[in-house]
Amino acid sequence: MKILKLLFASSLIASSVFFASCSDDDESPSYEKSEFIGEWELTASTNSDYEECDNITRTLTISESTLSVPGYNCTTAKAILEYTFSGKSFDFNAFGVDASYVVKSKSDTQFTWEFDGDVDTYTKID
């Protein structure tokens, strides 16, 4: 009888491991690149260099192949990066270093992405 209970318990454990391994581990949504093409205003950031600015709109411009990324301080300086889009991230190489902006959330008028531990929020301009 003990052997029967042991076999039953073992089969329950094995089946629960099997079903758990079948779940989708990557549940983050995937997006189309066309959803991001256009101009976006940087409206918030967790980056320690981020400053609230009067009279300056920090604009992110996303084209089919480049990102024109604004700085965090109150200037109009931008970095222009060629990228590939994976459905979840904008991947690029800057100065020989591979990096990614990972999309965290997206609506019709706003999105957030994460880069190097910092989260930026952008609002659609056009």
C-alpha atoms as a PDB file:
ATOM      1  CA  MET A   1       0.000   0.000   0.000  1.00  0.00           C
ATOM      2  CA  LYS A   2       2.889   2.361   0.792  1.00  0.00           C
ATOM      3  CA  ILE A   3       4.351   1.691  -2.634  1.00  0.00           C
ATOM      4  CA  LEU A   4       1.028   2.530  -4.294  1.00  0.00           C
ATOM      5  CA  LYS A   5       0.807   5.853  -2.389  1.00  0.00           C
ATOM      6  CA  LEU A   6       4.409   6.653  -3.271  1.00  0.00           C
ATOM      7  CA  LEU A   7       3.789   5.935  -6.974  1.00  0.00           C
ATOM      8  CA  PHE A   8       0.611   8.059  -6.928  1.00  0.00           C
ATOM      9  CA  ALA A   9       2.407  10.986  -5.254  1.00  0.00           C
ATOM     10  CA  SER A  10       5.315  10.689  -7.690  1.00  0.00           C
ATOM     11  CA  SER A  11       2.985  10.737 -10.691  1.00  0.00           C
ATOM     12  CA  LEU A  12       1.243  13.870  -9.351  1.00  0.00           C
ATOM     13  CA  ILE A  13       4.558  15.652  -8.922  1.00  0.00           C
ATOM     14  CA  ALA A  14       5.758  14.594 -12.376  1.00  0.00           C
ATOM     15  CA  SER A  15       2.546  15.746 -14.062  1.00  0.00           C
ATOM     16  CA  SER A  16       2.617  19.113 -12.280  1.00  0.00           C
ATOM     17  CA  VAL A  17       6.199  19.683 -13.450  1.00  0.00           C
ATOM     18  CA  PHE A  18       5.160  18.738 -17.000  1.00  0.00           C
ATOM     19  CA  PHE A  19       2.242  21.189 -17.074  1.00  0.00           C
ATOM     20  CA  ALA A  20       4.274  23.979 -15.458  1.00  0.00           C
ATOM     21  CA  SER A  21       6.965  23.611 -18.104  1.00  0.00           C
ATOM     22  CA  CYS A  22       4.373  24.082 -20.863  1.00  0.00           C
ATOM     23  CA  SER A  23       3.402  27.581 -19.739  1.00  0.00           C
ATOM     24  CA  ASP A  24       4.474  30.661 -21.701  1.00  0.00           C
ATOM     25  CA  ASP A  25       7.415  32.068 -19.734  1.00  0.00           C
ATOM     26  CA  ASP A  26       7.597  35.238 -21.817  1.00  0.00           C
ATOM     27  CA  GLU A  27       4.216  36.869 -21.356  1.00  0.00           C
ATOM     28  CA  SER A  28       5.265  40.394 -22.346  1.00  0.00           C
ATOM     29  CA  PRO A  29       3.388  41.666 -25.404  1.00  0.00           C
ATOM     30  CA  SER A  30       4.938  42.053 -28.819  1.00  0.00           C
ATOM     31  CA  TYR A  31       4.449  45.209 -30.897  1.00  0.00           C
ATOM     32  CA  GLU A  32       4.636  46.304 -34.523  1.00  0.00           C
ATOM     33  CA  LYS A  33       7.333  48.804 -35.472  1.00  0.00           C
ATOM     34  CA  SER A  34       4.721  50.941 -37.251  1.00  0.00           C
ATOM     35  CA  GLU A  35       3.086  51.673 -33.859  1.00  0.00           C
ATOM     36  CA  PHE A  36       6.167  53.688 -32.873  1.00  0.00           C
ATOM     37  CA  ILE A  37       7.031  55.566 -36.084  1.00  0.00           C
ATOM     38  CA  GLY A  38       6.678  59.320 -35.524  1.00  0.00           C
ATOM     39  CA  GLU A  39       7.495  61.952 -32.915  1.00  0.00           C
ATOM     40  CA  TRP A  40       7.211  61.493 -29.162  1.00  0.00           C
ATOM     41  CA  GLU A  41       7.852  63.883 -26.273  1.00  0.00           C
ATOM     42  CA  LEU A  42       9.917  62.707 -23.294  1.00  0.00           C
ATOM     43  CA  THR A  43       7.572  63.452 -20.377  1.00  0.00           C
ATOM     44  CA  ALA A  44       9.124  61.490 -17.489  1.00  0.00           C
ATOM     45  CA  SER A  45      12.212  59.477 -16.620  1.00  0.00           C
ATOM     46  CA  THR A  46      13.736  57.652 -13.672  1.00  0.00           C
ATOM     47  CA  ASN A  47      17.236  58.615 -14.886  1.00  0.00           C
ATOM     48  CA  SER A  48      19.070  60.672 -12.251  1.00  0.00           C
ATOM     49  CA  ASP A  49      20.163  63.170 -14.961  1.00  0.00           C
ATOM     50  CA  TYR A  50      16.551  63.880 -16.000  1.00  0.00           C
ATOM     51  CA  GLU A  51      15.507  67.521 -15.474  1.00  0.00           C
ATOM     52  CA  GLU A  52      12.095  69.170 -15.823  1.00  0.00           C
ATOM     53  CA  CYS A  53      12.517  71.825 -18.522  1.00  0.00           C
ATOM     54  CA  ASP A  54      10.576  74.965 -19.380  1.00  0.00           C
ATOM     55  CA  ASN A  55      10.356  76.022 -23.025  1.00  0.00           C
ATOM     56  CA  ILE A  56      12.112  72.896 -24.354  1.00  0.00           C
ATOM     57  CA  THR A  57      10.362  69.891 -25.837  1.00  0.00           C
ATOM     58  CA  ARG A  58      12.639  66.857 -25.790  1.00  0.00           C
ATOM     59  CA  THR A  59      11.520  64.975 -28.885  1.00  0.00           C
ATOM     60  CA  LEU A  60      12.213  61.350 -29.752  1.00  0.00           C
ATOM     61  CA  THR A  61      11.858  60.740 -33.484  1.00  0.00           C
ATOM     62  CA  ILE A  62      11.479  57.153 -34.660  1.00  0.00           C
ATOM     63  CA  SER A  63      11.818  56.430 -38.380  1.00  0.00           C
ATOM     64  CA  GLU A  64      11.936  53.089 -40.214  1.00  0.00           C
ATOM     65  CA  SER A  65      15.637  52.692 -39.400  1.00  0.00           C
ATOM     66  CA  THR A  66      16.805  55.361 -36.925  1.00  0.00           C
ATOM     67  CA  LEU A  67      16.070  56.678 -33.457  1.00  0.00           C
ATOM     68  CA  SER A  68      16.756  60.343 -32.755  1.00  0.00           C
ATOM     69  CA  VAL A  69      16.958  60.215 -28.943  1.00  0.00           C
ATOM     70  CA  PRO A  70      16.877  63.370 -26.767  1.00  0.00           C
ATOM     71  CA  GLY A  71      19.151  64.013 -23.802  1.00  0.00           C
ATOM     72  CA  TYR A  72      17.920  64.156 -20.204  1.00  0.00           C
ATOM     73  CA  ASN A  73      19.127  67.682 -19.473  1.00  0.00           C
ATOM     74  CA  CYS A  74      17.522  70.861 -20.768  1.00  0.00           C
ATOM     75  CA  THR A  75      19.196  70.983 -24.176  1.00  0.00           C
ATOM     76  CA  THR A  76      18.117  70.062 -27.654  1.00  0.00           C
ATOM     77  CA  ALA A  77      21.032  67.625 -28.092  1.00  0.00           C
ATOM     78  CA  LYS A  78      20.155  64.259 -29.628  1.00  0.00           C
ATOM     79  CA  ALA A  79      21.829  60.959 -30.393  1.00  0.00           C
ATOM     80  CA  ILE A  80      20.944  59.390 -33.741  1.00  0.00           C
ATOM     81  CA  LEU A  81      21.059  55.590 -33.656  1.00  0.00           C
ATOM     82  CA  GLU A  82      20.406  52.988 -36.341  1.00  0.00           C
ATOM     83  CA  TYR A  83      18.280  50.202 -34.874  1.00  0.00           C
ATOM     84  CA  THR A  84      16.529  46.916 -35.467  1.00  0.00           C
ATOM     85  CA  PHE A  85      13.162  46.204 -33.872  1.00  0.00           C
ATOM     86  CA  SER A  86      12.399  42.799 -32.366  1.00  0.00           C
ATOM     87  CA  GLY A  87       8.751  43.385 -31.440  1.00  0.00           C
ATOM     88  CA  LYS A  88       9.761  44.056 -27.832  1.00  0.00           C
ATOM     89  CA  SER A  89      12.909  46.149 -28.075  1.00  0.00           C
ATOM     90  CA  PHE A  90      14.826  48.658 -30.158  1.00  0.00           C
ATOM     91  CA  ASP A  91      18.298  47.115 -30.507  1.00  0.00           C
ATOM     92  CA  PHE A  92      21.290  49.206 -31.536  1.00  0.00           C
ATOM     93  CA  ASN A  93      25.064  49.444 -31.410  1.00  0.00           C
ATOM     94  CA  ALA A  94      26.639  52.623 -30.047  1.00  0.00           C
ATOM     95  CA  PHE A  95      30.406  53.014 -30.030  1.00  0.00           C
ATOM     96  CA  GLY A  96      30.872  49.253 -30.430  1.00  0.00           C
ATOM     97  CA  VAL A  97      28.509  48.324 -27.590  1.00  0.00           C
ATOM     98  CA  ASP A  98      25.270  46.413 -28.252  1.00  0.00           C
ATOM     99  CA  ALA A  99      22.317  47.761 -26.273  1.00  0.00           C
ATOM    100  CA  SER A 100      18.509  47.761 -26.239  1.00  0.00           C
ATOM    101  CA  TYR A 101      15.609  49.991 -25.333  1.00  0.00           C
ATOM    102  CA  VAL A 102      13.059  47.438 -24.039  1.00  0.00           C
ATOM    103  CA  VAL A 103       9.395  48.449 -24.410  1.00  0.00           C
ATOM    104  CA  LYS A 104       7.599  48.071 -21.066  1.00  0.00           C
ATOM    105  CA  SER A 105       4.130  49.382 -21.970  1.00  0.00           C
ATOM    106  CA  LYS A 106       2.333  50.968 -24.925  1.00  0.00           C
ATOM    107  CA  SER A 107      -0.967  52.712 -25.606  1.00  0.00           C
ATOM    108  CA  ASP A 108      -2.088  54.747 -28.622  1.00  0.00           C
ATOM    109  CA  THR A 109      -0.740  57.968 -27.087  1.00  0.00           C
ATOM    110  CA  GLN A 110       2.080  56.893 -24.763  1.00  0.00           C
ATOM    111  CA  PHE A 111       4.782  54.287 -24.238  1.00  0.00           C
ATOM    112  CA  THR A 112       7.541  53.498 -21.771  1.00  0.00           C
ATOM    113  CA  TRP A 113      10.835  51.807 -22.389  1.00  0.00           C
ATOM    114  CA  GLU A 114      13.709  50.738 -20.181  1.00  0.00           C
ATOM    115  CA  PHE A 115      17.384  51.263 -20.841  1.00  0.00           C
ATOM    116  CA  ASP A 116      20.184  50.464 -18.417  1.00  0.00           C
ATOM    117  CA  GLY A 117      17.749  50.253 -15.474  1.00  0.00           C
ATOM    118  CA  ASP A 118      16.048  53.589 -16.198  1.00  0.00           C
ATOM    119  CA  VAL A 119      12.469  53.909 -17.464  1.00  0.00           C
ATOM    120  CA  ASP A 120      11.474  56.727 -19.839  1.00  0.00           C
ATOM    121  CA  THR A 121       7.904  57.757 -20.666  1.00  0.00           C
ATOM    122  CA  TYR A 122       7.053  59.266 -24.051  1.00  0.00           C
ATOM    123  CA  THR A 123       3.808  60.897 -25.206  1.00  0.00           C
ATOM    124  CA  LYS A 124       2.800  60.976 -28.896  1.00  0.00           C
ATOM    125  CA  ILE A 125       3.197  64.369 -30.603  1.00  0.00           C
ATOM    126  CA  ASP A 126       2.042  63.490 -34.142  1.00  0.00           C
END
